[in-house]
Amino acid sequence: MFASPEELQFEIRPARTPHELEEALALRYEVFCREQGVPIGEERDGRDRDGLHLIAVGGDRLLGTCRLVFVGRTVQFSRLAVAMSVRRHGIATALLQAADAESLAHGANRLVLHAQTYARSLYEGNGYRARGREFTEAGIEHVAMEKKI
């Protein structure tokens, strides 16, 4: 169980049921499609069945999510989303830390991701380094990043 400085308590764990996965997809839709204008066809990329979905749960509410797709010893980290009402409470960082632990447990030695440039410092603060130039994906500026674990 994690607690933020403001005493928001939450648990990070893999999604366990189809209902939890649907809640995670609904949160992603809210964050990426409704808030940021990403077309649903780009947000739902067909890889959800291949991924391990981590969720942040506080009480009976899903607060955040991310997806890990394992490709050999590399993990593609993506779809990090936190509910607007609980941002800046350490949920994203806790999800990143849990992703590291899950990746190591599955024998991975590297994580890669496409970070929205506004969130670059979050990833750098968690050990990621930029690779290459910034680019546009789904109409939003991104940078490729990686982390060796």
Protein backbone atom coordinates (compact mmCIF):
# COMPACT_ATOMS: atom_id res chain seq x y z
CA MET A 1 0.00 0.00 0.00
CA PHE A 2 1.33 3.43 -0.94
CA ALA A 3 0.42 6.72 0.72
CA SER A 4 1.05 10.11 -0.83
CA PRO A 5 2.17 13.13 1.18
CA GLU A 6 -1.49 14.15 1.34
CA GLU A 7 -2.40 10.69 2.74
CA LEU A 8 -4.12 9.36 -0.37
CA GLN A 9 -3.76 5.61 0.07
CA PHE A 10 -3.66 3.28 -2.91
CA GLU A 11 -2.45 -0.12 -3.98
CA ILE A 12 -0.58 -0.90 -7.21
CA ARG A 13 -1.20 -4.35 -8.68
CA PRO A 14 -1.99 -6.15 -11.91
CA ALA A 15 -5.60 -5.97 -13.07
CA ARG A 16 -7.27 -9.19 -11.90
CA THR A 17 -10.62 -9.29 -13.63
CA PRO A 18 -12.21 -8.33 -16.94
CA HIS A 19 -14.11 -5.62 -15.03
CA GLU A 20 -10.86 -4.08 -13.76
CA LEU A 21 -9.45 -4.10 -17.28
CA GLU A 22 -12.60 -2.36 -18.55
CA GLU A 23 -12.19 0.28 -15.81
CA ALA A 24 -8.57 0.80 -16.89
CA LEU A 25 -9.63 1.20 -20.52
CA ALA A 26 -12.35 3.65 -19.47
CA LEU A 27 -9.79 5.74 -17.57
CA ARG A 28 -7.49 5.73 -20.58
CA TYR A 29 -10.38 6.86 -22.78
CA GLU A 30 -11.11 9.73 -20.36
CA VAL A 31 -7.49 10.87 -20.20
CA PHE A 32 -6.31 10.33 -23.77
CA CYS A 33 -9.44 10.70 -25.89
CA ARG A 34 -11.59 13.15 -23.97
CA GLU A 35 -8.91 15.31 -22.30
CA GLN A 36 -6.20 15.19 -24.98
CA GLY A 37 -8.19 14.57 -28.15
CA VAL A 38 -6.47 11.35 -29.18
CA PRO A 39 -8.64 9.42 -31.65
CA ILE A 40 -9.94 6.22 -30.07
CA GLY A 41 -8.48 4.19 -32.93
CA GLU A 42 -5.01 5.34 -31.93
CA GLU A 43 -5.58 4.88 -28.19
CA ARG A 44 -6.93 1.35 -28.70
CA ASP A 45 -4.03 -0.04 -30.68
CA GLY A 46 -4.95 -3.73 -30.51
CA ARG A 47 -2.21 -4.62 -28.02
CA ASP A 48 -4.26 -4.70 -24.83
CA ARG A 49 -4.70 -8.48 -24.94
CA ASP A 50 -0.92 -8.85 -25.17
CA GLY A 51 -0.20 -6.60 -22.20
CA LEU A 52 0.06 -6.77 -18.45
CA HIS A 53 -2.10 -3.97 -17.07
CA LEU A 54 -1.05 -2.45 -13.77
CA ILE A 55 -3.66 -0.50 -11.85
CA ALA A 56 -3.67 1.87 -8.90
CA VAL A 57 -6.66 1.24 -6.66
CA GLY A 58 -7.73 3.46 -3.76
CA GLY A 59 -10.66 2.12 -1.80
CA ASP A 60 -13.06 0.86 -4.44
CA ARG A 61 -11.89 3.28 -7.14
CA LEU A 62 -9.43 2.80 -9.97
CA LEU A 63 -7.08 5.80 -9.86
CA GLY A 64 -4.45 5.01 -12.46
CA THR A 65 -3.20 2.47 -14.96
CA CYS A 66 -0.38 1.56 -17.33
CA ARG A 67 0.37 -1.27 -19.73
CA LEU A 68 3.45 -3.45 -20.16
CA VAL A 69 4.01 -5.46 -23.34
CA PHE A 70 6.88 -7.94 -23.15
CA VAL A 71 8.99 -8.41 -26.30
CA GLY A 72 11.89 -10.69 -25.46
CA ARG A 73 13.88 -9.00 -22.70
CA THR A 74 12.45 -5.57 -23.55
CA VAL A 75 9.24 -4.17 -22.09
CA GLN A 76 7.19 -1.62 -24.00
CA PHE A 77 5.72 0.63 -21.31
CA SER A 78 2.66 2.60 -22.41
CA ARG A 79 -0.77 4.03 -21.66
CA LEU A 80 0.11 5.61 -18.30
CA ALA A 81 -3.04 7.41 -17.17
CA VAL A 82 -4.05 8.88 -13.82
CA ALA A 83 -7.48 10.25 -12.97
CA MET A 84 -7.45 14.05 -13.04
CA SER A 85 -8.74 14.37 -9.46
CA VAL A 86 -5.77 12.47 -7.99
CA ARG A 87 -2.83 13.68 -10.07
CA ARG A 88 0.30 14.84 -8.26
CA HIS A 89 -0.19 12.30 -5.47
CA GLY A 90 2.61 9.92 -6.50
CA ILE A 91 0.44 7.47 -8.45
CA ALA A 92 2.38 7.77 -11.72
CA THR A 93 5.70 7.28 -9.93
CA ALA A 94 4.32 4.26 -8.05
CA LEU A 95 3.13 2.76 -11.35
CA LEU A 96 6.58 3.31 -12.87
CA GLN A 97 8.23 1.60 -9.89
CA ALA A 98 5.81 -1.32 -10.10
CA ALA A 99 6.54 -1.59 -13.84
CA ASP A 100 10.25 -1.92 -13.04
CA ALA A 101 9.55 -4.69 -10.51
CA GLU A 102 7.24 -6.59 -12.88
CA SER A 103 9.72 -6.23 -15.72
CA LEU A 104 12.56 -7.62 -13.64
CA ALA A 105 10.35 -10.47 -12.39
CA HIS A 106 9.67 -11.43 -16.02
CA GLY A 107 13.38 -11.39 -16.96
CA ALA A 108 13.46 -8.08 -18.79
CA ASN A 109 16.53 -5.86 -18.81
CA ARG A 110 15.17 -2.77 -20.56
CA LEU A 111 12.00 -0.69 -20.77
CA VAL A 112 11.14 1.58 -23.70
CA LEU A 113 8.37 4.14 -24.10
CA HIS A 114 7.10 7.16 -26.00
CA ALA A 115 6.68 9.97 -23.47
CA GLN A 116 4.56 13.02 -24.04
CA THR A 117 7.12 15.81 -23.83
CA TYR A 118 5.29 17.59 -21.00
CA ALA A 119 5.87 14.45 -18.86
CA ARG A 120 9.52 13.98 -19.82
CA SER A 121 10.78 15.04 -16.39
CA LEU A 122 8.60 12.40 -14.69
CA TYR A 123 10.31 9.68 -16.69
CA GLU A 124 13.79 11.19 -16.33
CA GLY A 125 13.24 11.30 -12.56
CA ASN A 126 12.57 7.57 -12.72
CA GLY A 127 15.75 6.69 -14.62
CA TYR A 128 14.67 6.98 -18.26
CA ARG A 129 16.84 8.65 -20.87
CA ALA A 130 15.70 10.20 -24.15
CA ARG A 131 16.63 8.55 -27.45
CA GLY A 132 16.48 10.62 -30.61
CA ARG A 133 14.46 13.67 -31.54
CA GLU A 134 11.00 14.71 -30.53
CA PHE A 135 8.19 13.59 -32.83
CA THR A 136 4.42 13.92 -33.14
CA GLU A 137 2.21 10.97 -32.31
CA ALA A 138 -1.61 11.25 -32.20
CA GLY A 139 -1.15 15.01 -32.61
CA ILE A 140 0.95 15.30 -29.42
CA GLU A 141 4.69 15.93 -29.10
CA HIS A 142 6.56 12.86 -27.81
CA VAL A 143 10.10 11.66 -27.22
CA ALA A 144 11.31 8.04 -27.24
CA MET A 145 12.89 7.04 -23.94
CA GLU A 146 14.50 3.94 -22.47
CA LYS A 147 15.68 2.60 -19.16
CA LYS A 148 18.05 -0.28 -18.46
CA ILE A 149 17.18 -2.31 -15.39
